[in-house]
Amino acid sequence: ALKGLKYKAVVSTQSTGGEERERWVTVLGAFVEGRYRVFTPGLDEAADRKLRTLALLRLSTDNTALGYAEIASACGVEGDREVEALVIHSIQVGLLTCRIDEVNRQVFLHQVVGAGGIFGQDCGKLLEVLQRWANENGEIVGEIKEYVAGATTKLNSSKAEREEFERRLESAKAGLKKEKPQREVSSSKVRKRIA
């Protein structure tokens, strides 16, 4: 159901740019599909563990027995200890019921929680939520752009008014400088008449 899905439609084109956006699209795709990939830079430990667990669940939905090598390859772990730790973690959190055969390096699956819906219909709901989120973000970005455009227009208008005020002020100062000598002459005449 998810193979033809294009995750780029989910992520708002205005949220992040270029390579960073593509990285998050890839991460989202990996989580939705339950497939493990190595990221540069890597995910934090909790996200990495969740992604590896999802990859194991994805692998477990179509099989009743898995070899250690198959798990290691699909989940991005190395060595038998890491495979066993991942399987044990999945058992502890209640996602798998299985038996580990350490000698033959096999895991025999009895029950996988959510196998029918975790990668099918639930992902459709996730996609709907993410699309709604992307649309809302697009609307918010649009509102922010309108606000910024209005503020820019107001700023430009204020700058023009200030420049006009400064021109008038300079003109008034120049006019006062021209009038100052005449005032001094007229005030000295008044003083002579009084005296």
Protein backbone atom coordinates (compact mmCIF):
# COMPACT_ATOMS: atom_id res chain seq x y z
CA ALA A 1 0.00 0.00 0.00
CA LEU A 2 2.91 2.36 0.71
CA LYS A 3 5.25 1.50 -2.15
CA GLY A 4 3.91 4.14 -4.54
CA LEU A 5 3.55 6.77 -1.83
CA LYS A 6 5.41 10.03 -2.38
CA TYR A 7 6.42 11.55 0.92
CA LYS A 8 7.44 14.84 -0.66
CA ALA A 9 3.76 15.77 -0.89
CA VAL A 10 3.51 15.54 2.90
CA VAL A 11 6.34 17.89 3.79
CA SER A 12 5.63 21.58 3.34
CA THR A 13 7.93 23.06 0.73
CA GLN A 14 8.27 26.16 2.86
CA SER A 15 9.32 24.44 6.10
CA THR A 16 12.97 23.68 5.39
CA GLY A 17 15.20 23.95 2.42
CA GLY A 18 17.18 21.71 0.14
CA GLU A 19 19.26 18.92 1.59
CA GLU A 20 17.83 19.23 5.13
CA ARG A 21 14.28 18.85 3.77
CA GLU A 22 15.27 15.81 1.71
CA ARG A 23 16.89 14.22 4.77
CA TRP A 24 13.70 14.58 6.80
CA VAL A 25 11.59 13.25 3.94
CA THR A 26 13.85 10.16 3.92
CA VAL A 27 13.58 9.79 7.71
CA LEU A 28 9.78 10.10 7.55
CA GLY A 29 9.66 7.50 4.78
CA ALA A 30 11.80 5.12 6.81
CA PHE A 31 9.58 5.43 9.87
CA VAL A 32 6.36 5.04 7.89
CA GLU A 33 7.66 2.04 5.95
CA GLY A 34 9.46 0.45 8.91
CA ARG A 35 12.69 0.15 6.97
CA TYR A 36 16.08 0.91 8.51
CA ARG A 37 18.64 3.02 6.70
CA VAL A 38 21.85 4.65 7.90
CA PHE A 39 21.56 8.44 8.11
CA THR A 40 24.29 11.08 8.06
CA PRO A 41 24.26 12.64 10.53
CA GLY A 42 22.67 9.82 12.50
CA LEU A 43 19.48 9.84 14.50
CA ASP A 44 19.59 10.12 18.26
CA GLU A 45 19.70 6.85 20.18
CA ALA A 46 15.98 6.67 21.01
CA ALA A 47 14.87 7.36 17.42
CA ASP A 48 17.45 4.93 16.08
CA ARG A 49 16.18 2.18 18.41
CA LYS A 50 12.56 2.84 17.39
CA LEU A 51 13.45 2.71 13.73
CA ARG A 52 15.37 -0.55 14.15
CA THR A 53 12.43 -2.01 16.09
CA LEU A 54 10.01 -0.95 13.33
CA ALA A 55 12.30 -2.55 10.75
CA LEU A 56 12.26 -5.79 12.75
CA LEU A 57 8.46 -5.69 12.99
CA ARG A 58 8.19 -5.03 9.27
CA LEU A 59 10.46 -7.99 8.55
CA SER A 60 8.49 -10.15 11.00
CA THR A 61 5.09 -9.55 9.40
CA ASP A 62 5.86 -11.78 6.43
CA ASN A 63 7.94 -14.50 8.12
CA THR A 64 7.66 -17.15 10.80
CA ALA A 65 11.40 -17.62 11.20
CA LEU A 66 14.26 -15.21 10.68
CA GLY A 67 17.99 -15.74 10.56
CA TYR A 68 20.34 -13.50 12.49
CA ALA A 69 22.01 -12.34 9.26
CA GLU A 70 18.63 -11.35 7.78
CA ILE A 71 17.74 -9.34 10.90
CA ALA A 72 21.18 -7.72 11.02
CA SER A 73 20.95 -6.66 7.39
CA ALA A 74 17.39 -5.30 7.56
CA CYS A 75 17.81 -3.56 10.93
CA GLY A 76 21.32 -2.17 10.55
CA VAL A 77 22.85 -4.02 13.49
CA GLU A 78 26.15 -5.88 13.64
CA GLY A 79 26.85 -9.15 15.35
CA ASP A 80 24.76 -11.70 17.15
CA ARG A 81 24.68 -9.75 20.44
CA GLU A 82 23.08 -6.70 18.81
CA VAL A 83 20.53 -8.88 16.98
CA GLU A 84 19.60 -10.62 20.23
CA ALA A 85 19.42 -7.29 22.09
CA LEU A 86 17.05 -5.89 19.46
CA VAL A 87 14.82 -8.98 19.56
CA ILE A 88 14.80 -8.99 23.36
CA HIS A 89 13.92 -5.28 23.43
CA SER A 90 11.00 -5.97 21.06
CA ILE A 91 9.82 -8.78 23.35
CA GLN A 92 10.15 -6.59 26.47
CA VAL A 93 8.04 -3.79 25.01
CA GLY A 94 5.41 -6.33 23.99
CA LEU A 95 5.75 -6.17 20.21
CA LEU A 96 6.93 -9.72 19.56
CA THR A 97 6.34 -13.15 20.97
CA CYS A 98 9.10 -15.44 19.73
CA ARG A 99 11.77 -17.98 20.56
CA ILE A 100 15.46 -17.32 20.04
CA ASP A 101 17.62 -20.25 18.91
CA GLU A 102 21.15 -19.06 19.63
CA VAL A 103 22.83 -22.23 18.36
CA ASN A 104 21.24 -22.13 14.91
CA ARG A 105 21.14 -18.30 14.91
CA GLN A 106 17.38 -18.20 14.26
CA VAL A 107 14.38 -16.36 15.69
CA PHE A 108 11.05 -18.23 15.52
CA LEU A 109 8.14 -15.83 15.55
CA HIS A 110 4.89 -16.73 17.27
CA GLN A 111 3.07 -13.42 17.29
CA VAL A 112 3.76 -9.92 16.00
CA VAL A 113 1.68 -7.19 17.62
CA GLY A 114 0.02 -4.91 15.09
CA ALA A 115 1.22 -6.94 12.13
CA GLY A 116 -2.03 -6.41 10.26
CA GLY A 117 -2.39 -2.70 10.80
CA ILE A 118 0.88 -1.12 11.86
CA PHE A 119 2.14 -0.78 8.30
CA GLY A 120 -1.17 -0.57 6.48
CA GLN A 121 -4.22 1.36 7.56
CA ASP A 122 -2.51 3.14 10.47
CA CYS A 123 -0.05 4.69 8.03
CA GLY A 124 -2.98 6.09 6.07
CA LYS A 125 -4.13 7.91 9.20
CA LEU A 126 -0.58 9.11 9.80
CA LEU A 127 -0.41 10.39 6.24
CA GLU A 128 -3.72 12.26 6.68
CA VAL A 129 -2.48 13.91 9.87
CA LEU A 130 0.81 14.86 8.26
CA GLN A 131 -0.94 16.31 5.21
CA ARG A 132 -3.24 18.35 7.46
CA TRP A 133 -0.17 19.53 9.39
CA ALA A 134 1.60 20.52 6.16
CA ASN A 135 -1.49 22.44 4.98
CA GLU A 136 -1.80 24.25 8.31
CA ASN A 137 1.89 25.13 8.19
CA GLY A 138 1.42 26.44 4.66
CA GLU A 139 -1.44 28.67 5.88
CA ILE A 140 0.62 29.91 8.82
CA VAL A 141 3.58 30.66 6.56
CA GLY A 142 1.20 32.56 4.25
CA GLU A 143 -0.10 34.63 7.17
CA ILE A 144 3.44 35.36 8.30
CA LYS A 145 4.40 36.46 4.79
CA GLU A 146 1.39 38.81 4.67
CA TYR A 147 2.33 40.27 8.06
CA VAL A 148 5.97 40.73 6.98
CA ALA A 149 4.86 42.37 3.71
CA GLY A 150 2.60 44.78 5.63
CA ALA A 151 5.36 45.57 8.12
CA THR A 152 7.84 46.13 5.28
CA THR A 153 5.43 48.53 3.56
CA LYS A 154 4.89 50.40 6.82
CA LEU A 155 8.65 50.55 7.45
CA ASN A 156 9.31 51.90 3.95
CA SER A 157 6.56 54.50 4.43
CA SER A 158 8.04 55.53 7.79
CA LYS A 159 11.51 55.83 6.23
CA ALA A 160 10.13 58.04 3.45
CA GLU A 161 8.32 60.24 6.00
CA ARG A 162 11.47 60.52 8.11
CA GLU A 163 13.58 61.45 5.08
CA GLU A 164 11.01 64.13 4.13
CA PHE A 165 11.01 65.43 7.72
CA GLU A 166 14.83 65.59 7.74
CA ARG A 167 14.82 67.48 4.40
CA ARG A 168 12.33 70.01 5.76
CA LEU A 169 14.31 70.33 8.99
CA GLU A 170 17.53 71.01 7.06
CA SER A 171 15.68 73.54 4.90
CA ALA A 172 14.30 75.26 8.01
CA LYS A 173 17.79 75.32 9.59
CA ALA A 174 19.25 76.87 6.43
CA GLY A 175 16.46 79.47 6.41
CA LEU A 176 17.15 80.35 10.05
CA LYS A 177 20.86 80.78 9.34
CA LYS A 178 20.02 83.27 6.55
CA GLU A 179 17.64 85.21 8.82
CA LYS A 180 19.99 85.33 11.84
CA PRO A 181 22.23 88.19 10.60
CA GLN A 182 19.18 90.34 9.76
CA ARG A 183 17.75 89.78 13.25
CA GLU A 184 20.99 90.88 14.86
CA VAL A 185 21.03 94.07 12.78
CA SER A 186 17.41 94.89 13.58
CA SER A 187 17.86 94.17 17.29
CA SER A 188 20.91 96.48 17.45
CA LYS A 189 18.86 99.29 15.82
CA VAL A 190 16.18 98.80 18.46
CA ARG A 191 18.78 99.02 21.21
CA LYS A 192 20.22 102.24 19.76
CA ARG A 193 16.78 103.82 19.64
CA ILE A 194 16.08 102.89 23.25
CA ALA A 195 19.33 104.26 24.48
